[in-house]
């Protein structure tokens, strides 16, 4: 893609009541499908759990265990959030997880690489095209 992608951050205040964080799992509800690195995640409720001592690697586990992904993060500052939140960047019609804010802890940034965005958007477009082709053939 030669043109820069138009992106905006959609801060989604999604925390469930009582989902405190003290180094244990925090819970966040996401109302739409999203992408972490190149992994597509369904809408749903997720637990966030640091799995490395320095919190540079976190695990997102969907409640019910339908989806799990680990991602490397970098420190992005401190946050005084009361509830855990995710921040997304939107490219095309896909949302990419870009930031995790945990109460009383650090902000964790997730790199959204342009090549990953292009690959994910191409895959989503191919899936939509395939579904369209299947739907079109049944009309003949």
Protein backbone atom coordinates (compact mmCIF):
# COMPACT_ATOMS: atom_id res chain seq x y z
CA UNK A 1 0.00 0.00 0.00
CA UNK A 2 1.47 3.31 -1.07
CA UNK A 3 -1.04 5.50 0.67
CA UNK A 4 -0.80 5.77 4.43
CA UNK A 5 -3.55 4.00 6.22
CA UNK A 6 -6.08 6.18 7.98
CA UNK A 7 -6.18 5.16 11.60
CA UNK A 8 -7.89 6.36 14.67
CA UNK A 9 -7.69 5.17 18.21
CA UNK A 10 -10.91 3.96 19.65
CA UNK A 11 -10.63 3.81 23.39
CA UNK A 12 -13.11 1.30 24.54
CA UNK A 13 -14.00 1.57 28.19
CA UNK A 14 -14.95 -2.02 28.60
CA UNK A 15 -14.17 -3.03 32.13
CA UNK A 16 -16.59 -5.06 34.08
CA UNK A 17 -17.42 -3.97 37.63
CA UNK A 18 -15.12 -5.49 40.19
CA UNK A 19 -12.35 -6.44 37.80
CA UNK A 20 -9.48 -5.21 39.92
CA UNK A 21 -5.85 -5.75 39.03
CA UNK A 22 -3.08 -6.48 41.46
CA UNK A 23 -0.81 -8.56 39.29
CA UNK A 24 -3.57 -11.12 38.76
CA UNK A 25 -6.03 -11.37 35.89
CA UNK A 26 -8.07 -8.33 34.90
CA UNK A 27 -11.26 -8.66 32.86
CA UNK A 28 -12.25 -6.63 29.80
CA UNK A 29 -15.30 -7.02 27.56
CA UNK A 30 -14.86 -6.28 23.84
CA UNK A 31 -18.00 -5.80 21.75
CA UNK A 32 -16.42 -6.47 18.34
CA UNK A 33 -13.85 -8.79 16.73
CA UNK A 34 -10.28 -7.53 16.87
CA UNK A 35 -6.72 -8.44 15.94
CA UNK A 36 -3.72 -8.98 18.23
CA UNK A 37 -0.52 -9.11 16.19
CA UNK A 38 -1.90 -11.18 13.29
CA UNK A 39 -4.35 -13.28 15.32
CA UNK A 40 -8.05 -12.57 14.86
CA UNK A 41 -9.95 -12.63 18.15
CA UNK A 42 -13.73 -12.84 18.48
CA UNK A 43 -15.84 -10.36 20.41
CA UNK A 44 -16.21 -11.40 24.02
CA UNK A 45 -14.89 -11.13 27.54
CA UNK A 46 -11.15 -11.50 28.05
CA UNK A 47 -8.85 -12.01 31.00
CA UNK A 48 -5.49 -10.23 30.79
CA UNK A 49 -2.66 -11.94 32.60
CA UNK A 50 1.01 -10.89 32.67
CA UNK A 51 3.08 -14.03 32.09
CA UNK A 52 6.58 -12.58 32.42
CA UNK A 53 8.15 -11.03 35.50
CA UNK A 54 8.66 -7.66 33.83
CA UNK A 55 5.11 -7.74 32.34
CA UNK A 56 6.49 -7.48 28.81
CA UNK A 57 4.47 -10.52 27.75
CA UNK A 58 0.77 -10.72 28.48
CA UNK A 59 -1.77 -13.40 27.73
CA UNK A 60 -5.33 -12.64 26.64
CA UNK A 61 -7.72 -15.51 27.30
CA UNK A 62 -11.35 -15.40 26.27
CA UNK A 63 -13.71 -16.40 29.05
CA UNK A 64 -14.74 -19.90 28.06
CA UNK A 65 -11.29 -20.54 26.59
CA UNK A 66 -12.27 -20.17 22.94
CA UNK A 67 -9.35 -17.88 22.09
CA UNK A 68 -5.91 -17.36 23.60
CA UNK A 69 -3.07 -15.14 22.40
CA UNK A 70 0.24 -14.02 23.90
CA UNK A 71 1.70 -10.69 22.89
CA UNK A 72 4.88 -8.79 23.61
CA UNK A 73 4.34 -5.30 24.95
CA UNK A 74 6.52 -2.30 25.76
CA UNK A 75 6.16 0.15 28.59
CA UNK A 76 4.08 3.18 27.61
CA UNK A 77 3.92 5.15 30.85
CA UNK A 78 1.92 4.99 34.03
CA UNK A 79 -1.84 5.08 34.23
CA UNK A 80 -4.27 5.93 36.96
CA UNK A 81 -7.19 4.06 35.40
CA UNK A 82 -9.79 2.66 37.75
CA UNK A 83 -10.75 -0.11 35.35
CA UNK A 84 -8.80 -2.09 32.77
CA UNK A 85 -9.21 -0.86 29.21
CA UNK A 86 -8.05 -1.72 25.72
CA UNK A 87 -7.23 0.85 23.06
CA UNK A 88 -7.56 -0.07 19.41
CA UNK A 89 -6.36 1.37 16.12
CA UNK A 90 -8.73 0.96 13.22
CA UNK A 91 -7.38 0.20 9.76
CA UNK A 92 -9.98 -0.41 7.07
CA UNK A 93 -12.74 -2.19 8.93
CA UNK A 94 -10.47 -4.11 11.33
CA UNK A 95 -9.59 -3.13 14.90
CA UNK A 96 -6.04 -3.84 16.09
CA UNK A 97 -5.24 -3.95 19.81
CA UNK A 98 -2.67 -1.22 20.41
CA UNK A 99 -2.66 -0.62 24.15
CA UNK A 100 -3.65 -2.21 27.44
CA UNK A 101 -4.24 -0.06 30.53
CA UNK A 102 -4.33 -1.91 33.84
CA UNK A 103 -5.40 -0.15 37.06
CA UNK A 104 -2.53 0.92 39.28
CA UNK A 105 -0.03 -0.42 36.77
CA UNK A 106 1.81 0.52 33.63
CA UNK A 107 0.35 1.20 30.22
CA UNK A 108 1.43 -1.58 27.86
CA UNK A 109 1.82 -0.67 24.17
CA UNK A 110 1.54 -3.26 21.40
CA UNK A 111 3.29 -2.53 18.11
CA UNK A 112 0.93 -2.55 15.14
CA UNK A 113 3.20 -3.18 12.15
CA UNK A 114 2.13 -1.96 8.70
CA UNK A 115 2.99 -5.30 7.07
CA UNK A 116 0.77 -7.11 9.59
CA UNK A 117 -2.07 -4.68 8.90
CA UNK A 118 -1.76 -5.30 5.15
CA UNK A 119 -1.69 -9.08 5.61
CA UNK A 120 -4.71 -9.11 7.92
CA UNK A 121 -6.74 -6.77 5.70
CA UNK A 122 -5.88 -8.89 2.63
CA UNK A 123 -6.97 -12.05 4.47
CA UNK A 124 -10.24 -10.46 5.58
CA UNK A 125 -10.92 -9.22 2.04
CA UNK A 126 -10.23 -12.69 0.62
CA UNK A 127 -12.61 -14.25 3.17
CA UNK A 128 -15.34 -11.75 2.25
CA UNK A 129 -14.74 -12.43 -1.46
CA UNK A 130 -14.96 -16.18 -0.91
CA UNK A 131 -18.24 -15.79 1.02
CA UNK A 132 -19.58 -13.55 -1.75
CA UNK A 133 -18.64 -16.12 -4.40
CA UNK A 134 -20.37 -18.92 -2.51
CA UNK A 135 -23.47 -16.74 -2.08
CA UNK A 136 -23.45 -15.73 -5.76
CA UNK A 137 -23.18 -19.30 -7.05
CA UNK A 138 -26.28 -20.37 -5.15
CA UNK A 139 -28.32 -17.77 -7.02
CA UNK A 140 -27.56 -19.33 -10.45
